[in-house]
C-alpha atoms as a PDB file:
ATOM      1  CA  MET A   1     -27.564-152.446 -56.082  1.00  0.00           C
ATOM      2  CA  LYS A   2     -25.672-151.071 -59.065  1.00  0.00           C
ATOM      3  CA  LYS A   3     -21.992-150.316 -58.820  1.00  0.00           C
ATOM      4  CA  THR A   4     -18.877-152.290 -58.066  1.00  0.00           C
ATOM      5  CA  TYR A   5     -17.548-149.752 -55.569  1.00  0.00           C
ATOM      6  CA  ILE A   6     -19.196-147.423 -53.091  1.00  0.00           C
ATOM      7  CA  LYS A   7     -17.345-144.126 -52.638  1.00  0.00           C
ATOM      8  CA  VAL A   8     -16.804-143.663 -48.903  1.00  0.00           C
ATOM      9  CA  LYS A   9     -14.288-141.359 -47.241  1.00  0.00           C
ATOM     10  CA  CYS A  10     -12.343-142.701 -44.286  1.00  0.00           C
ATOM     11  CA  GLY A  11     -13.763-139.893 -42.175  1.00  0.00           C
ATOM     12  CA  ILE A  12     -17.053-141.790 -42.002  1.00  0.00           C
ATOM     13  CA  LEU A  13     -15.416-143.866 -39.238  1.00  0.00           C
ATOM     14  CA  ASP A  14     -15.233-140.830 -36.964  1.00  0.00           C
ATOM     15  CA  PRO A  15     -17.438-141.391 -33.879  1.00  0.00           C
ATOM     16  CA  LYS A  16     -19.330-138.172 -34.596  1.00  0.00           C
ATOM     17  CA  HIS A  17     -20.747-139.751 -37.763  1.00  0.00           C
ATOM     18  CA  ARG A  18     -21.759-142.865 -35.861  1.00  0.00           C
ATOM     19  CA  ARG A  19     -23.658-140.730 -33.363  1.00  0.00           C
ATOM     20  CA  LYS A  20     -25.373-138.777 -36.130  1.00  0.00           C
ATOM     21  CA  LEU A  21     -26.174-141.624 -38.522  1.00  0.00           C
ATOM     22  CA  GLY A  22     -26.934-144.631 -36.352  1.00  0.00           C
ATOM     23  CA  LEU A  23     -28.811-147.209 -38.431  1.00  0.00           C
ATOM     24  CA  ALA A  24     -29.411-144.586 -41.116  1.00  0.00           C
ATOM     25  CA  VAL A  25     -25.905-145.424 -42.348  1.00  0.00           C
ATOM     26  CA  TYR A  26     -27.426-148.316 -44.338  1.00  0.00           C
ATOM     27  CA  LEU A  27     -29.673-145.939 -46.285  1.00  0.00           C
ATOM     28  CA  TYR A  28     -26.682-143.603 -46.776  1.00  0.00           C
ATOM     29  CA  MET A  29     -24.646-146.459 -48.276  1.00  0.00           C
ATOM     30  CA  TYR A  30     -27.580-147.374 -50.512  1.00  0.00           C
ATOM     31  CA  ILE A  31     -27.800-143.775 -51.732  1.00  0.00           C
ATOM     32  CA  LEU A  32     -24.059-143.700 -52.444  1.00  0.00           C
ATOM     33  CA  ASP A  33     -24.357-146.951 -54.370  1.00  0.00           C
ATOM     34  CA  ASN A  34     -27.107-145.543 -56.594  1.00  0.00           C
ATOM     35  CA  ALA A  35     -25.538-142.113 -57.135  1.00  0.00           C
ATOM     36  CA  ASN A  36     -24.400-140.947 -60.529  1.00  0.00           C
ATOM     37  CA  TRP A  37     -20.615-140.715 -60.305  1.00  0.00           C
ATOM     38  CA  ASP A  38     -20.365-137.619 -62.454  1.00  0.00           C
ATOM     39  CA  ASP A  39     -22.741-135.353 -60.527  1.00  0.00           C
ATOM     40  CA  GLY A  40     -23.289-137.120 -57.141  1.00  0.00           C
ATOM     41  CA  ILE A  41     -27.076-137.252 -57.589  1.00  0.00           C
ATOM     42  CA  VAL A  42     -29.543-140.138 -57.376  1.00  0.00           C
ATOM     43  CA  HIS A  43     -32.020-139.390 -60.133  1.00  0.00           C
ATOM     44  CA  GLU A  44     -35.630-140.647 -60.058  1.00  0.00           C
ATOM     45  CA  TRP A  45     -35.539-141.579 -56.381  1.00  0.00           C
ATOM     46  CA  THR A  46     -38.595-143.096 -54.704  1.00  0.00           C
ATOM     47  CA  ASP A  47     -38.794-144.165 -51.072  1.00  0.00           C
ATOM     48  CA  LYS A  48     -40.910-147.153 -52.073  1.00  0.00           C
ATOM     49  CA  ASN A  49     -38.215-148.668 -54.321  1.00  0.00           C
ATOM     50  CA  ALA A  50     -35.550-148.147 -51.663  1.00  0.00           C
ATOM     51  CA  ALA A  51     -37.773-149.797 -49.048  1.00  0.00           C
ATOM     52  CA  GLN A  52     -38.287-152.860 -51.263  1.00  0.00           C
ATOM     53  CA  GLU A  53     -34.570-153.347 -51.956  1.00  0.00           C
ATOM     54  CA  LEU A  54     -33.476-152.790 -48.356  1.00  0.00           C
ATOM     55  CA  GLU A  55     -36.496-154.646 -46.906  1.00  0.00           C
ATOM     56  CA  PHE A  56     -37.418-151.575 -44.840  1.00  0.00           C
ATOM     57  CA  THR A  57     -40.832-150.069 -44.420  1.00  0.00           C
ATOM     58  CA  VAL A  58     -41.475-146.881 -46.383  1.00  0.00           C
ATOM     59  CA  ASN A  59     -41.822-144.946 -43.121  1.00  0.00           C
ATOM     60  CA  THR A  60     -38.408-146.237 -41.989  1.00  0.00           C
ATOM     61  CA  VAL A  61     -36.815-145.035 -45.231  1.00  0.00           C
ATOM     62  CA  ARG A  62     -38.399-141.627 -44.796  1.00  0.00           C
ATOM     63  CA  ASP A  63     -37.232-141.390 -41.184  1.00  0.00           C
ATOM     64  CA  TYR A  64     -33.651-142.324 -42.139  1.00  0.00           C
ATOM     65  CA  ARG A  65     -33.684-139.903 -45.074  1.00  0.00           C
ATOM     66  CA  LYS A  66     -34.776-137.111 -42.744  1.00  0.00           C
ATOM     67  CA  ILE A  67     -31.836-137.929 -40.441  1.00  0.00           C
ATOM     68  CA  LEU A  68     -29.469-137.628 -43.397  1.00  0.00           C
ATOM     69  CA  GLU A  69     -31.041-134.340 -44.465  1.00  0.00           C
ATOM     70  CA  ASP A  70     -31.021-132.836 -40.958  1.00  0.00           C
ATOM     71  CA  ASN A  71     -27.300-133.618 -40.587  1.00  0.00           C
ATOM     72  CA  ASP A  72     -26.387-132.203 -44.040  1.00  0.00           C
ATOM     73  CA  TYR A  73     -25.392-135.477 -45.664  1.00  0.00           C
ATOM     74  CA  ILE A  74     -27.963-135.129 -48.454  1.00  0.00           C
ATOM     75  CA  THR A  75     -30.752-132.905 -49.671  1.00  0.00           C
ATOM     76  CA  THR A  76     -33.897-133.881 -51.552  1.00  0.00           C
ATOM     77  CA  LYS A  77     -35.216-132.124 -54.630  1.00  0.00           C
ATOM     78  CA  LYS A  78     -38.812-132.996 -55.394  1.00  0.00           C
ATOM     79  CA  GLY A  79     -40.013-133.658 -58.964  1.00  0.00           C
ATOM     80  CA  GLN A  80     -43.353-134.426 -60.538  1.00  0.00           C
ATOM     81  CA  HIS A  81     -43.241-138.211 -60.250  1.00  0.00           C
ATOM     82  CA  SER A  82     -40.021-138.822 -58.290  1.00  0.00           C
ATOM     83  CA  GLN A  83     -37.330-137.110 -56.292  1.00  0.00           C
ATOM     84  CA  SER A  84     -33.623-136.462 -56.715  1.00  0.00           C
ATOM     85  CA  ILE A  85     -31.200-137.097 -53.859  1.00  0.00           C
ATOM     86  CA  ILE A  86     -28.236-134.700 -53.932  1.00  0.00           C
ATOM     87  CA  ILE A  87     -25.198-135.907 -51.968  1.00  0.00           C
ATOM     88  CA  TYR A  88     -23.170-133.161 -50.327  1.00  0.00           C
ATOM     89  CA  ASN A  89     -19.379-132.999 -50.761  1.00  0.00           C
ATOM     90  CA  TRP A  90     -19.358-135.660 -53.451  1.00  0.00           C
ATOM     91  CA  SER A  91     -16.111-136.721 -55.172  1.00  0.00           C
ATOM     92  CA  ASN A  92     -16.131-138.628 -58.447  1.00  0.00           C
ATOM     93  CA  PRO A  93     -14.628-142.083 -57.758  1.00  0.00           C
ATOM     94  CA  ARG A  94     -13.028-142.046 -61.220  1.00  0.00           C
ATOM     95  CA  SER A  95     -11.120-138.883 -60.450  1.00  0.00           C
ATOM     96  CA  TYR A  96      -8.170-138.474 -58.098  1.00  0.00           C
ATOM     97  CA  ASP A  97      -8.049-134.670 -58.168  1.00  0.00           C
ATOM     98  CA  GLY A  98     -10.194-134.393 -55.025  1.00  0.00           C
ATOM     99  CA  ALA A  99     -12.658-132.000 -56.660  1.00  0.00           C
ATOM    100  CA  ILE A 100     -15.796-131.363 -54.613  1.00  0.00           C
ATOM    101  CA  ILE A 101     -19.231-131.655 -56.201  1.00  0.00           C
ATOM    102  CA  ASN A 102     -22.337-130.347 -54.408  1.00  0.00           C
ATOM    103  CA  PRO A 103     -20.479-128.617 -51.542  1.00  0.00           C
ATOM    104  CA  ARG A 104     -22.428-127.905 -48.390  1.00  0.00           C
ATOM    105  CA  GLN A 105     -23.719-124.404 -47.951  1.00  0.00           C
ATOM    106  CA  ASN A 106     -21.753-122.295 -45.429  1.00  0.00           C
ATOM    107  CA  ASP A 107     -19.061-125.000 -45.294  1.00  0.00           C
ATOM    108  CA  SER A 108     -15.850-123.144 -46.042  1.00  0.00           C
ATOM    109  CA  ASP A 109     -13.623-126.067 -45.070  1.00  0.00           C
ATOM    110  CA  ALA A 110     -15.360-128.650 -47.249  1.00  0.00           C
ATOM    111  CA  GLN A 111     -13.079-128.160 -50.254  1.00  0.00           C
ATOM    112  CA  SER A 112      -9.813-128.367 -48.299  1.00  0.00           C
ATOM    113  CA  ASP A 113     -10.996-131.314 -46.178  1.00  0.00           C
ATOM    114  CA  ALA A 114     -12.081-133.270 -49.219  1.00  0.00           C
ATOM    115  CA  GLN A 115      -8.778-132.718 -50.986  1.00  0.00           C
ATOM    116  CA  SER A 116      -6.842-134.079 -48.015  1.00  0.00           C
ATOM    117  CA  ASP A 117      -9.193-137.058 -47.708  1.00  0.00           C
ATOM    118  CA  ALA A 118      -9.228-137.882 -51.417  1.00  0.00           C
ATOM    119  CA  GLN A 119      -5.885-139.683 -51.260  1.00  0.00           C
ATOM    120  CA  SER A 120      -7.115-141.992 -48.436  1.00  0.00           C
ATOM    121  CA  ASP A 121     -10.525-142.863 -49.863  1.00  0.00           C
ATOM    122  CA  THR A 122     -11.543-146.518 -49.682  1.00  0.00           C
ATOM    123  CA  GLN A 123     -13.947-148.270 -51.977  1.00  0.00           C
ATOM    124  CA  THR A 124     -15.856-151.362 -50.850  1.00  0.00           C
ATOM    125  CA  SER A 125     -17.031-154.098 -53.198  1.00  0.00           C
ATOM    126  CA  THR A 126     -20.664-154.720 -54.281  1.00  0.00           C
ATOM    127  CA  ASN A 127     -21.550-156.561 -57.540  1.00  0.00           C
ATOM    128  CA  GLN A 128     -20.487-154.988 -60.882  1.00  0.00           C
ATOM    129  CA  SER A 129     -17.184-155.004 -62.818  1.00  0.00           C
ATOM    130  CA  VAL A 130     -15.134-151.902 -63.673  1.00  0.00           C
ATOM    131  CA  ASP A 131     -15.637-151.141 -67.364  1.00  0.00           C
ATOM    132  CA  ASP A 132     -13.540-148.007 -67.703  1.00  0.00           C
ATOM    133  CA  VAL A 133     -10.117-149.097 -69.039  1.00  0.00           C
ATOM    134  CA  SER A 134      -8.450-145.797 -68.265  1.00  0.00           C
ATOM    135  CA  THR A 135      -9.638-145.973 -64.658  1.00  0.00           C
ATOM    136  CA  TYR A 136      -8.494-149.592 -64.323  1.00  0.00           C
ATOM    137  CA  ASN A 137      -5.010-148.684 -65.529  1.00  0.00           C
ATOM    138  CA  GLN A 138      -4.716-146.079 -62.765  1.00  0.00           C
ATOM    139  CA  MET A 139      -5.167-148.738 -60.126  1.00  0.00           C
ATOM    140  CA  SER A 140      -2.592-151.203 -58.871  1.00  0.00           C
ATOM    141  CA  ASP A 141      -2.827-154.310 -56.691  1.00  0.00           C
ATOM    142  CA  VAL A 142      -6.211-155.571 -55.617  1.00  0.00           C
ATOM    143  CA  LYS A 143      -6.077-156.984 -52.090  1.00  0.00           C
ATOM    144  CA  GLY A 144      -9.353-158.237 -50.736  1.00  0.00           C
ATOM    145  CA  HIS A 145     -11.960-155.538 -51.404  1.00  0.00           C
ATOM    146  CA  ILE A 146      -9.571-152.537 -51.374  1.00  0.00           C
ATOM    147  CA  ILE A 147      -8.078-150.976 -54.531  1.00  0.00           C
ATOM    148  CA  TYR A 148      -4.981-148.860 -53.977  1.00  0.00           C
ATOM    149  CA  PRO A 149      -3.782-146.032 -56.264  1.00  0.00           C
ATOM    150  CA  ALA A 150      -0.858-146.916 -58.505  1.00  0.00           C
ATOM    151  CA  LYS A 151       1.230-144.008 -57.215  1.00  0.00           C
ATOM    152  CA  ALA A 152       1.538-142.446 -53.796  1.00  0.00           C
ATOM    153  CA  PRO A 153       0.319-138.811 -53.524  1.00  0.00           C
ATOM    154  CA  GLU A 154       2.911-136.249 -54.423  1.00  0.00           C
ATOM    155  CA  ASN A 155       4.644-134.313 -51.647  1.00  0.00           C
ATOM    156  CA  LYS A 156       3.510-136.896 -49.148  1.00  0.00           C
ATOM    157  CA  PRO A 157       6.210-139.320 -47.950  1.00  0.00           C
ATOM    158  CA  GLU A 158       5.350-142.961 -47.714  1.00  0.00           C
ATOM    159  CA  PRO A 159       5.097-144.220 -44.129  1.00  0.00           C
ATOM    160  CA  VAL A 160       8.055-146.162 -42.792  1.00  0.00           C
ATOM    161  CA  TYR A 161       7.309-148.950 -40.361  1.00  0.00           C
ATOM    162  CA  SER A 162       9.892-150.406 -38.037  1.00  0.00           C
ATOM    163  CA  GLU A 163      10.055-154.156 -37.675  1.00  0.00           C
ATOM    164  CA  PHE A 164       7.963-155.454 -34.833  1.00  0.00           C
ATOM    165  CA  ASN A 165      10.034-156.996 -32.076  1.00  0.00           C
ATOM    166  CA  ASN A 166       8.001-159.490 -30.112  1.00  0.00           C
ATOM    167  CA  GLN A 167      10.345-159.458 -27.132  1.00  0.00           C
ATOM    168  CA  ALA A 168      10.721-155.680 -26.875  1.00  0.00           C
ATOM    169  CA  ASP A 169       7.358-154.327 -28.056  1.00  0.00           C
ATOM    170  CA  MET A 170       4.879-156.770 -26.603  1.00  0.00           C
ATOM    171  CA  PRO A 171       4.270-157.071 -22.848  1.00  0.00           C
ATOM    172  CA  GLN A 172       5.369-160.425 -21.562  1.00  0.00           C
ATOM    173  CA  GLU A 173       1.911-161.360 -20.309  1.00  0.00           C
ATOM    174  CA  TRP A 174       0.542-160.805 -23.822  1.00  0.00           C
ATOM    175  CA  ALA A 175       3.277-162.883 -25.430  1.00  0.00           C
ATOM    176  CA  GLU A 176       2.613-165.742 -23.026  1.00  0.00           C
ATOM    177  CA  GLU A 177      -0.973-165.967 -24.239  1.00  0.00           C
ATOM    178  CA  TYR A 178       0.311-167.320 -27.569  1.00  0.00           C
ATOM    179  CA  LEU A 179       2.532-169.976 -26.034  1.00  0.00           C
ATOM    180  CA  PRO A 180       1.154-173.533 -26.121  1.00  0.00           C
ATOM    181  CA  LYS A 181      -0.402-174.469 -22.843  1.00  0.00           C
ATOM    182  CA  LYS A 182       1.471-177.058 -20.856  1.00  0.00           C
ATOM    183  CA  GLN A 183      -0.526-180.170 -20.187  1.00  0.00           C
ATOM    184  CA  THR A 184      -0.256-181.176 -16.553  1.00  0.00           C
ATOM    185  CA  LYS A 185      -0.820-184.784 -15.629  1.00  0.00           C
ATOM    186  CA  LYS A 186      -3.551-185.393 -13.134  1.00  0.00           C
ATOM    187  CA  PRO A 187      -2.302-187.114  -9.995  1.00  0.00           C
ATOM    188  CA  LYS A 188      -3.387-190.717  -9.743  1.00  0.00           C
ATOM    189  CA  ASN A 189      -5.839-191.517  -7.013  1.00  0.00           C
ATOM    190  CA  GLN A 190      -4.213-193.528  -4.234  1.00  0.00           C
ATOM    191  CA  PRO A 191      -5.935-196.860  -3.514  1.00  0.00           C
ATOM    192  CA  ASP A 192      -7.815-197.252  -0.264  1.00  0.00           C
ATOM    193  CA  PRO A 193      -5.376-198.904   2.193  1.00  0.00           C
ATOM    194  CA  ARG A 194      -8.236-201.000   3.609  1.00  0.00           C
ATOM    195  CA  TYR A 195      -8.338-202.932   0.311  1.00  0.00           C
ATOM    196  CA  LEU A 196      -4.895-204.328   1.126  1.00  0.00           C
ATOM    197  CA  HIS A 197      -6.054-205.859   4.455  1.00  0.00           C
ATOM    198  CA  ILE A 198      -6.092-209.646   4.622  1.00  0.00           C
ATOM    199  CA  ALA A 199      -9.682-209.672   5.869  1.00  0.00           C
ATOM    200  CA  TYR A 200     -10.770-207.843   2.694  1.00  0.00           C
ATOM    201  CA  SER A 201      -8.956-210.324   0.430  1.00  0.00           C
ATOM    202  CA  THR A 202     -10.437-213.245   2.428  1.00  0.00           C
ATOM    203  CA  PHE A 203     -13.954-211.919   1.947  1.00  0.00           C
ATOM    204  CA  TYR A 204     -13.343-211.463  -1.805  1.00  0.00           C
ATOM    205  CA  SER A 205     -11.844-214.949  -2.235  1.00  0.00           C
ATOM    206  CA  ILE A 206     -14.931-216.544  -0.626  1.00  0.00           C
ATOM    207  CA  THR A 207     -17.782-214.422  -2.112  1.00  0.00           C
ATOM    208  CA  LYS A 208     -16.106-213.362  -5.398  1.00  0.00           C
ATOM    209  CA  ARG A 209     -17.394-209.836  -4.846  1.00  0.00           C
ATOM    210  CA  ARG A 210     -16.288-206.678  -3.081  1.00  0.00           C
ATOM    211  CA  PRO A 211     -18.263-205.329  -0.130  1.00  0.00           C
ATOM    212  CA  ASN A 212     -19.634-201.809  -0.198  1.00  0.00           C
ATOM    213  CA  LYS A 213     -17.134-199.156   0.877  1.00  0.00           C
ATOM    214  CA  GLU A 214     -19.285-198.392   3.895  1.00  0.00           C
ATOM    215  CA  LEU A 215     -19.077-202.038   5.041  1.00  0.00           C
ATOM    216  CA  VAL A 216     -15.352-202.662   4.593  1.00  0.00           C
ATOM    217  CA  ASP A 217     -14.568-201.640   8.169  1.00  0.00           C
ATOM    218  CA  LEU A 218     -17.237-204.083   9.456  1.00  0.00           C
ATOM    219  CA  VAL A 219     -15.716-206.958   7.464  1.00  0.00           C
ATOM    220  CA  ILE A 220     -12.247-206.169   8.866  1.00  0.00           C
ATOM    221  CA  ASP A 221     -13.567-205.944  12.446  1.00  0.00           C
ATOM    222  CA  ILE A 222     -15.310-209.352  12.243  1.00  0.00           C
ATOM    223  CA  LEU A 223     -12.683-211.370  10.369  1.00  0.00           C
ATOM    224  CA  GLY A 224      -9.758-209.689  12.148  1.00  0.00           C
ATOM    225  CA  ASP A 225      -6.068-209.702  11.249  1.00  0.00           C
ATOM    226  CA  ASN A 226      -5.819-213.519  11.168  1.00  0.00           C
ATOM    227  CA  PRO A 227      -9.069-214.803   9.660  1.00  0.00           C
ATOM    228  CA  ASP A 228      -9.913-218.519   9.610  1.00  0.00           C
ATOM    229  CA  VAL A 229     -10.585-218.957   5.897  1.00  0.00           C
ATOM    230  CA  GLU A 230     -12.129-222.463   6.125  1.00  0.00           C
ATOM    231  CA  ARG A 231     -14.452-221.474   8.967  1.00  0.00           C
ATOM    232  CA  ALA A 232     -15.593-218.365   7.050  1.00  0.00           C
ATOM    233  CA  ARG A 233     -16.097-220.406   3.875  1.00  0.00           C
ATOM    234  CA  ALA A 234     -18.220-222.999   5.720  1.00  0.00           C
ATOM    235  CA  CYS A 235     -20.420-220.250   7.165  1.00  0.00           C
ATOM    236  CA  TYR A 236     -20.962-218.692   3.756  1.00  0.00           C
ATOM    237  CA  VAL A 237     -21.717-222.027   2.036  1.00  0.00           C
ATOM    238  CA  GLU A 238     -24.224-222.983   4.749  1.00  0.00           C
ATOM    239  CA  TRP A 239     -25.806-219.527   4.416  1.00  0.00           C
ATOM    240  CA  LEU A 240     -26.335-220.060   0.683  1.00  0.00           C
ATOM    241  CA  SER A 241     -27.570-223.644   1.122  1.00  0.00           C
ATOM    242  CA  ARG A 242     -30.364-222.393   3.356  1.00  0.00           C
ATOM    243  CA  GLY A 243     -31.520-220.044   0.610  1.00  0.00           C
ATOM    244  CA  TYR A 244     -30.587-216.791   2.336  1.00  0.00           C
ATOM    245  CA  ASN A 245     -29.703-213.542   0.519  1.00  0.00           C
ATOM    246  CA  PRO A 246     -26.178-213.916  -0.960  1.00  0.00           C
ATOM    247  CA  MET A 247     -25.661-210.127  -0.760  1.00  0.00           C
ATOM    248  CA  SER A 248     -26.226-210.039   2.988  1.00  0.00           C
ATOM    249  CA  LEU A 249     -23.326-209.973   5.471  1.00  0.00           C
ATOM    250  CA  LYS A 250     -25.255-211.681   8.266  1.00  0.00           C
ATOM    251  CA  TRP A 251     -23.389-214.904   7.639  1.00  0.00           C
ATOM    252  CA  LEU A 252     -20.379-213.201   9.258  1.00  0.00           C
ATOM    253  CA  ASP A 253     -22.273-213.401  12.568  1.00  0.00           C
ATOM    254  CA  TRP A 254     -22.035-217.207  12.275  1.00  0.00           C
ATOM    255  CA  TYR A 255     -18.284-216.822  11.905  1.00  0.00           C
ATOM    256  CA  VAL A 256     -18.286-215.418  15.475  1.00  0.00           C
ATOM    257  CA  THR A 257     -21.105-217.372  17.161  1.00  0.00           C
ATOM    258  CA  GLY A 258     -21.122-220.586  15.120  1.00  0.00           C
ATOM    259  CA  ILE A 259     -23.664-221.989  12.668  1.00  0.00           C
ATOM    260  CA  PRO A 260     -27.021-222.455  14.469  1.00  0.00           C
ATOM    261  CA  GLY A 261     -28.542-226.004  14.626  1.00  0.00           C
ATOM    262  CA  TYR A 262     -25.239-227.921  14.589  1.00  0.00           C
ATOM    263  CA  GLN A 263     -25.006-228.860  18.375  1.00  0.00           C
ATOM    264  CA  LYS A 264     -25.590-232.658  18.817  1.00  0.00           C
ATOM    265  CA  LYS A 265     -27.613-233.860  21.801  1.00  0.00           C
ATOM    266  CA  ASP A 266     -26.434-236.803  24.006  1.00  0.00           C
ATOM    267  CA  VAL A 267     -29.983-238.136  24.446  1.00  0.00           C
ATOM    268  CA  GLN A 268     -32.077-237.951  21.320  1.00  0.00           C
ATOM    269  CA  SER A 269     -35.514-238.826  22.963  1.00  0.00           C
ATOM    270  CA  SER A 270     -37.233-240.108  26.177  1.00  0.00           C
ATOM    271  CA  ASN A 271     -37.442-243.656  24.695  1.00  0.00           C
ATOM    272  CA  ASP A 272     -33.702-243.755  24.378  1.00  0.00           C
ATOM    273  CA  ALA A 273     -33.374-242.931  28.100  1.00  0.00           C
ATOM    274  CA  ILE A 274     -35.735-245.834  29.099  1.00  0.00           C
ATOM    275  CA  LEU A 275     -33.880-248.246  26.856  1.00  0.00           C
ATOM    276  CA  LYS A 276     -30.581-247.216  28.345  1.00  0.00           C
ATOM    277  CA  GLN A 277     -31.804-247.889  31.922  1.00  0.00           C
ATOM    278  CA  ALA A 278     -33.136-251.373  30.949  1.00  0.00           C
ATOM    279  CA  MET A 279     -29.868-252.423  29.412  1.00  0.00           C
ATOM    280  CA  GLU A 280     -27.963-251.367  32.533  1.00  0.00           C
ATOM    281  CA  GLY A 281     -30.292-253.536  34.733  1.00  0.00           C
ATOM    282  CA  LEU A 282     -29.735-256.636  32.665  1.00  0.00           C
ATOM    283  CA  HIS A 283     -26.050-256.408  33.109  1.00  0.00           C
ATOM    284  CA  GLY A 284     -26.407-255.823  36.877  1.00  0.00           C
ATOM    285  CA  SER A 285     -24.779-252.553  36.851  1.00  0.00           C
END
């Protein structure tokens, strides 16, 4: 890559050029970058060198060069050891007179088209400084990668732009896209009303844990609306003392039926019955 600026007319953005060039546009830009500004020719051209710099295969370079030749962007002049690439309708980037170099054959409009495009030419940056002082003095502000002429073309009025009115010129739905989005608060989840039941609080006060959601209704059904807290606590303590699973709810069955094994018998054994009869005979009763 050689020059600071590549001479490209704005017309290259026309869709017809995109359809003609395709990916060959990269080779076209490379050719423009290596062209001699005075005559619009790339001297001592070899496809091999271009392929190495662009990281293409040699066959790819040849295919792209043929596309450029078939569409009258360039022509190739063969030499003994190298070739010369001649760029059609070339304009010297240092000159603002719009003069055409290497006009296309049978292109009667090339000269007039180039003169009208010369004032709107853009030059994109590559990697070398401008060393021509006279050319630099003809240029004004540098904004980004675009260098603008110091003076507007003669007999061509400068464009006048009206101030953009956001309310009048932009559809409302477009304007609303730039407004900050309102943050809506998520509604708080309402607590389960079953957790407020006295049976639920009784169960929690005794076990120090909450039953599974699926079992809350069972706890409420067994303990009821007026649970006996001491009775329920005794059932749970006895359940734990017997080594049963503390996570089980079977101890609630004892709350209904009573703790098994607590009924006292009047007569403890057959010997007690015999002794009782003997004592009654001694007293004559």
